[in-house]
C-alpha cells in the first residue's frame, strides 16, 4: 500500500489504514514499521551494532530491521473459501 499506519493495531488497506475492531491478527503479508525507539542513531534499524534493538508487536510478526511483516498466506488459506 501507499500509506504508513501510525499504530501497530492498524492494517494497511491500500492507501488507507484501518483498525481491526474485532481484535483479529493482522492479515497475511501485512507490513508495519518496527518500534526502533531503542536503536542507536548510528544503527536506526538494528541491523548492525544495535542488533535486536528494533521490536515487532509480538511473536507472530517476522522481524526485518525497520519493518515487521506477517507471514504470507498459505495455499490452503487462499483456497479455503473457493
N, C-alpha and C. Protein backbone atom coordinates (compact mmCIF):
# COMPACT_ATOMS: atom_id res chain seq x y z
N UNK A 1 0.81 -1.18 0.00
CA UNK A 1 0.00 0.00 0.00
C UNK A 1 0.85 1.25 0.00
N UNK A 2 0.21 2.36 -0.12
CA UNK A 2 0.95 3.62 -0.21
C UNK A 2 0.90 4.40 1.10
N UNK A 3 0.36 3.81 2.16
CA UNK A 3 0.29 4.52 3.43
C UNK A 3 1.14 3.83 4.48
N UNK A 4 1.58 4.59 5.46
CA UNK A 4 2.27 4.05 6.63
C UNK A 4 1.33 4.28 7.79
N UNK A 5 0.92 3.21 8.43
CA UNK A 5 -0.06 3.32 9.50
C UNK A 5 0.59 3.78 10.79
N UNK A 6 -0.08 4.64 11.56
CA UNK A 6 0.50 5.21 12.76
C UNK A 6 0.52 4.28 13.97
N UNK A 7 -0.20 3.17 13.93
CA UNK A 7 -0.25 2.28 15.09
C UNK A 7 -0.13 0.82 14.69
N UNK A 8 0.41 0.00 15.60
CA UNK A 8 0.61 -1.42 15.30
C UNK A 8 -0.70 -2.19 15.22
N UNK A 9 -1.79 -1.64 15.73
CA UNK A 9 -3.08 -2.32 15.64
C UNK A 9 -3.89 -1.84 14.44
N UNK A 10 -3.21 -1.17 13.52
CA UNK A 10 -3.86 -0.70 12.29
C UNK A 10 -3.25 -1.44 11.11
N UNK A 11 -4.08 -1.79 10.13
CA UNK A 11 -3.60 -2.52 8.97
C UNK A 11 -3.68 -1.62 7.75
N UNK A 12 -2.70 -1.77 6.88
CA UNK A 12 -2.67 -1.02 5.64
C UNK A 12 -3.68 -1.63 4.68
N UNK A 13 -4.63 -0.85 4.22
CA UNK A 13 -5.67 -1.33 3.31
C UNK A 13 -5.60 -0.47 2.04
N UNK A 14 -4.62 -0.79 1.20
CA UNK A 14 -4.38 0.05 0.03
C UNK A 14 -3.71 1.33 0.44
N UNK A 15 -4.35 2.45 0.21
CA UNK A 15 -3.79 3.75 0.61
C UNK A 15 -4.41 4.27 1.89
N UNK A 16 -5.14 3.44 2.59
CA UNK A 16 -5.78 3.82 3.84
C UNK A 16 -5.38 2.87 4.94
N UNK A 17 -5.43 3.35 6.18
CA UNK A 17 -5.19 2.49 7.33
C UNK A 17 -6.53 2.20 7.98
N UNK A 18 -6.70 0.99 8.50
CA UNK A 18 -7.94 0.66 9.18
C UNK A 18 -7.64 -0.03 10.48
N UNK A 19 -8.53 0.14 11.44
CA UNK A 19 -8.41 -0.55 12.72
C UNK A 19 -9.23 -1.81 12.65
N UNK A 20 -8.73 -2.87 13.26
CA UNK A 20 -9.47 -4.12 13.31
C UNK A 20 -10.17 -4.18 14.66
N UNK A 21 -11.41 -3.81 14.69
CA UNK A 21 -12.18 -3.73 15.94
C UNK A 21 -12.46 -5.09 16.56
N UNK A 22 -12.31 -6.14 15.79
CA UNK A 22 -12.61 -7.49 16.31
C UNK A 22 -11.37 -8.17 16.89
N UNK A 23 -10.28 -7.46 16.98
CA UNK A 23 -9.03 -7.96 17.58
C UNK A 23 -8.51 -9.22 16.91
N UNK A 24 -8.71 -9.31 15.62
CA UNK A 24 -8.14 -10.43 14.87
C UNK A 24 -6.68 -10.12 14.56
N UNK A 25 -5.89 -11.14 14.24
CA UNK A 25 -4.49 -10.85 13.89
C UNK A 25 -4.42 -10.10 12.56
N UNK A 26 -3.28 -9.52 12.31
CA UNK A 26 -3.08 -8.80 11.05
C UNK A 26 -3.22 -9.75 9.88
N UNK A 27 -3.67 -9.25 8.74
CA UNK A 27 -3.81 -10.11 7.56
C UNK A 27 -2.46 -10.63 7.09
N UNK A 28 -2.48 -11.76 6.39
CA UNK A 28 -1.26 -12.35 5.84
C UNK A 28 -0.55 -11.33 4.96
N UNK A 29 0.77 -11.24 5.11
CA UNK A 29 1.57 -10.34 4.29
C UNK A 29 1.59 -8.89 4.74
N UNK A 30 0.86 -8.55 5.79
CA UNK A 30 0.81 -7.16 6.28
C UNK A 30 2.20 -6.72 6.73
N UNK A 31 2.58 -5.49 6.41
CA UNK A 31 3.87 -4.93 6.78
C UNK A 31 3.63 -3.66 7.59
N UNK A 32 4.32 -3.55 8.72
CA UNK A 32 4.23 -2.34 9.55
C UNK A 32 5.65 -1.90 9.92
N UNK A 33 5.77 -0.70 10.41
CA UNK A 33 7.05 -0.19 10.87
C UNK A 33 7.37 -0.79 12.24
N UNK A 34 8.61 -1.24 12.42
CA UNK A 34 9.05 -1.78 13.71
C UNK A 34 9.25 -0.64 14.70
N UNK A 35 9.20 -0.96 15.98
CA UNK A 35 9.50 0.00 17.03
C UNK A 35 11.02 0.10 17.13
N UNK A 36 11.57 1.20 16.69
CA UNK A 36 13.03 1.38 16.67
C UNK A 36 13.51 2.39 17.72
N UNK A 37 12.66 2.68 18.70
CA UNK A 37 12.99 3.70 19.71
C UNK A 37 14.27 3.38 20.48
N UNK A 38 14.58 2.10 20.67
CA UNK A 38 15.76 1.72 21.44
C UNK A 38 17.04 1.63 20.59
N UNK A 39 16.94 1.90 19.31
CA UNK A 39 18.11 1.77 18.43
C UNK A 39 18.99 3.01 18.47
N UNK A 40 20.31 2.82 18.38
CA UNK A 40 21.21 3.97 18.35
C UNK A 40 21.09 4.71 17.02
N UNK A 41 21.41 5.98 17.01
CA UNK A 41 21.32 6.77 15.77
C UNK A 41 22.26 6.23 14.70
N UNK A 42 23.34 5.59 15.11
CA UNK A 42 24.29 5.03 14.15
C UNK A 42 23.76 3.76 13.48
N UNK A 43 22.71 3.16 14.05
CA UNK A 43 22.12 1.93 13.51
C UNK A 43 20.60 1.99 13.72
N UNK A 44 19.90 2.85 12.97
CA UNK A 44 18.49 3.13 13.24
C UNK A 44 17.53 1.95 13.07
N UNK A 45 17.96 0.90 12.37
CA UNK A 45 17.08 -0.26 12.17
C UNK A 45 17.53 -1.49 12.94
N UNK A 46 18.63 -1.38 13.66
CA UNK A 46 19.10 -2.51 14.45
C UNK A 46 19.64 -3.66 13.63
N UNK A 47 20.31 -3.34 12.53
CA UNK A 47 20.84 -4.40 11.66
C UNK A 47 22.34 -4.59 11.82
N UNK A 48 22.99 -3.77 12.61
CA UNK A 48 24.44 -3.87 12.78
C UNK A 48 24.79 -3.91 14.25
N UNK A 49 25.44 -2.85 14.72
CA UNK A 49 25.90 -2.77 16.12
C UNK A 49 24.74 -2.82 17.11
N UNK A 50 23.60 -2.28 16.75
CA UNK A 50 22.45 -2.26 17.65
C UNK A 50 21.53 -3.46 17.44
N UNK A 51 22.10 -4.57 17.00
CA UNK A 51 21.32 -5.76 16.66
C UNK A 51 20.23 -6.05 17.68
N UNK A 52 19.04 -6.28 17.20
CA UNK A 52 17.87 -6.63 18.00
C UNK A 52 17.31 -5.47 18.82
N UNK A 53 17.67 -4.24 18.50
CA UNK A 53 17.09 -3.12 19.25
C UNK A 53 15.71 -2.76 18.72
N UNK A 54 15.39 -3.12 17.47
CA UNK A 54 14.04 -2.87 16.95
C UNK A 54 13.15 -4.05 17.29
N UNK A 55 11.87 -3.75 17.53
CA UNK A 55 10.94 -4.77 18.02
C UNK A 55 9.65 -4.79 17.19
N UNK A 56 9.07 -5.97 17.09
CA UNK A 56 7.76 -6.16 16.47
C UNK A 56 6.71 -6.33 17.57
N UNK A 57 5.42 -6.14 17.24
CA UNK A 57 4.38 -6.21 18.28
C UNK A 57 4.32 -7.52 19.05
N UNK A 58 4.52 -8.64 18.38
CA UNK A 58 4.51 -9.94 19.07
C UNK A 58 5.20 -10.99 18.21
N UNK A 59 5.23 -12.23 18.68
CA UNK A 59 5.97 -13.29 18.01
C UNK A 59 5.36 -13.73 16.68
N UNK A 60 4.15 -13.28 16.37
CA UNK A 60 3.54 -13.68 15.09
C UNK A 60 4.14 -12.90 13.91
N UNK A 61 4.88 -11.82 14.20
CA UNK A 61 5.47 -10.99 13.16
C UNK A 61 6.87 -11.46 12.82
N UNK A 62 7.26 -11.31 11.55
CA UNK A 62 8.62 -11.61 11.09
C UNK A 62 9.38 -10.29 11.12
N UNK A 63 10.47 -10.27 11.89
CA UNK A 63 11.26 -9.05 12.12
C UNK A 63 12.25 -8.86 10.99
N UNK A 64 12.23 -7.67 10.38
CA UNK A 64 13.15 -7.36 9.28
C UNK A 64 13.76 -5.97 9.45
N UNK A 65 14.39 -5.74 10.59
CA UNK A 65 15.04 -4.45 10.83
C UNK A 65 14.04 -3.35 11.14
N UNK A 66 13.82 -2.44 10.20
CA UNK A 66 12.89 -1.33 10.39
C UNK A 66 11.44 -1.72 10.13
N UNK A 67 11.20 -2.92 9.69
CA UNK A 67 9.82 -3.34 9.43
C UNK A 67 9.53 -4.71 10.05
N UNK A 68 8.25 -4.97 10.19
CA UNK A 68 7.76 -6.25 10.68
C UNK A 68 6.68 -6.69 9.69
N UNK A 69 6.61 -7.98 9.40
CA UNK A 69 5.58 -8.44 8.48
C UNK A 69 4.96 -9.74 8.97
N UNK A 70 3.73 -9.94 8.57
CA UNK A 70 3.05 -11.20 8.84
C UNK A 70 3.44 -12.19 7.76
N UNK A 71 3.48 -13.48 8.08
CA UNK A 71 3.82 -14.48 7.07
C UNK A 71 2.83 -14.42 5.90
N UNK A 72 3.28 -14.81 4.70
CA UNK A 72 2.36 -14.81 3.57
C UNK A 72 1.25 -15.85 3.74
N UNK A 73 0.20 -15.68 3.00
CA UNK A 73 -0.93 -16.60 3.05
C UNK A 73 -0.53 -17.95 2.44
N UNK A 74 -0.89 -19.03 3.10
CA UNK A 74 -0.61 -20.35 2.57
C UNK A 74 -1.61 -20.68 1.46
N UNK A 75 -1.30 -21.67 0.65
CA UNK A 75 -2.23 -22.09 -0.41
C UNK A 75 -3.54 -22.56 0.18
N UNK A 76 -3.49 -23.28 1.30
CA UNK A 76 -4.74 -23.75 1.96
C UNK A 76 -5.61 -22.58 2.39
N UNK A 77 -4.99 -21.53 2.97
CA UNK A 77 -5.75 -20.34 3.37
C UNK A 77 -6.37 -19.65 2.16
N UNK A 78 -5.59 -19.56 1.08
CA UNK A 78 -6.05 -18.87 -0.12
C UNK A 78 -7.27 -19.57 -0.73
N UNK A 79 -7.22 -20.92 -0.81
CA UNK A 79 -8.28 -21.68 -1.46
C UNK A 79 -9.42 -22.11 -0.53
N UNK A 80 -9.34 -21.73 0.74
CA UNK A 80 -10.32 -22.16 1.73
C UNK A 80 -11.75 -21.85 1.32
N UNK A 81 -12.02 -20.67 0.85
CA UNK A 81 -13.39 -20.26 0.53
C UNK A 81 -13.72 -20.34 -0.95
N UNK A 82 -12.86 -20.98 -1.73
CA UNK A 82 -13.12 -21.07 -3.17
C UNK A 82 -14.03 -22.25 -3.46
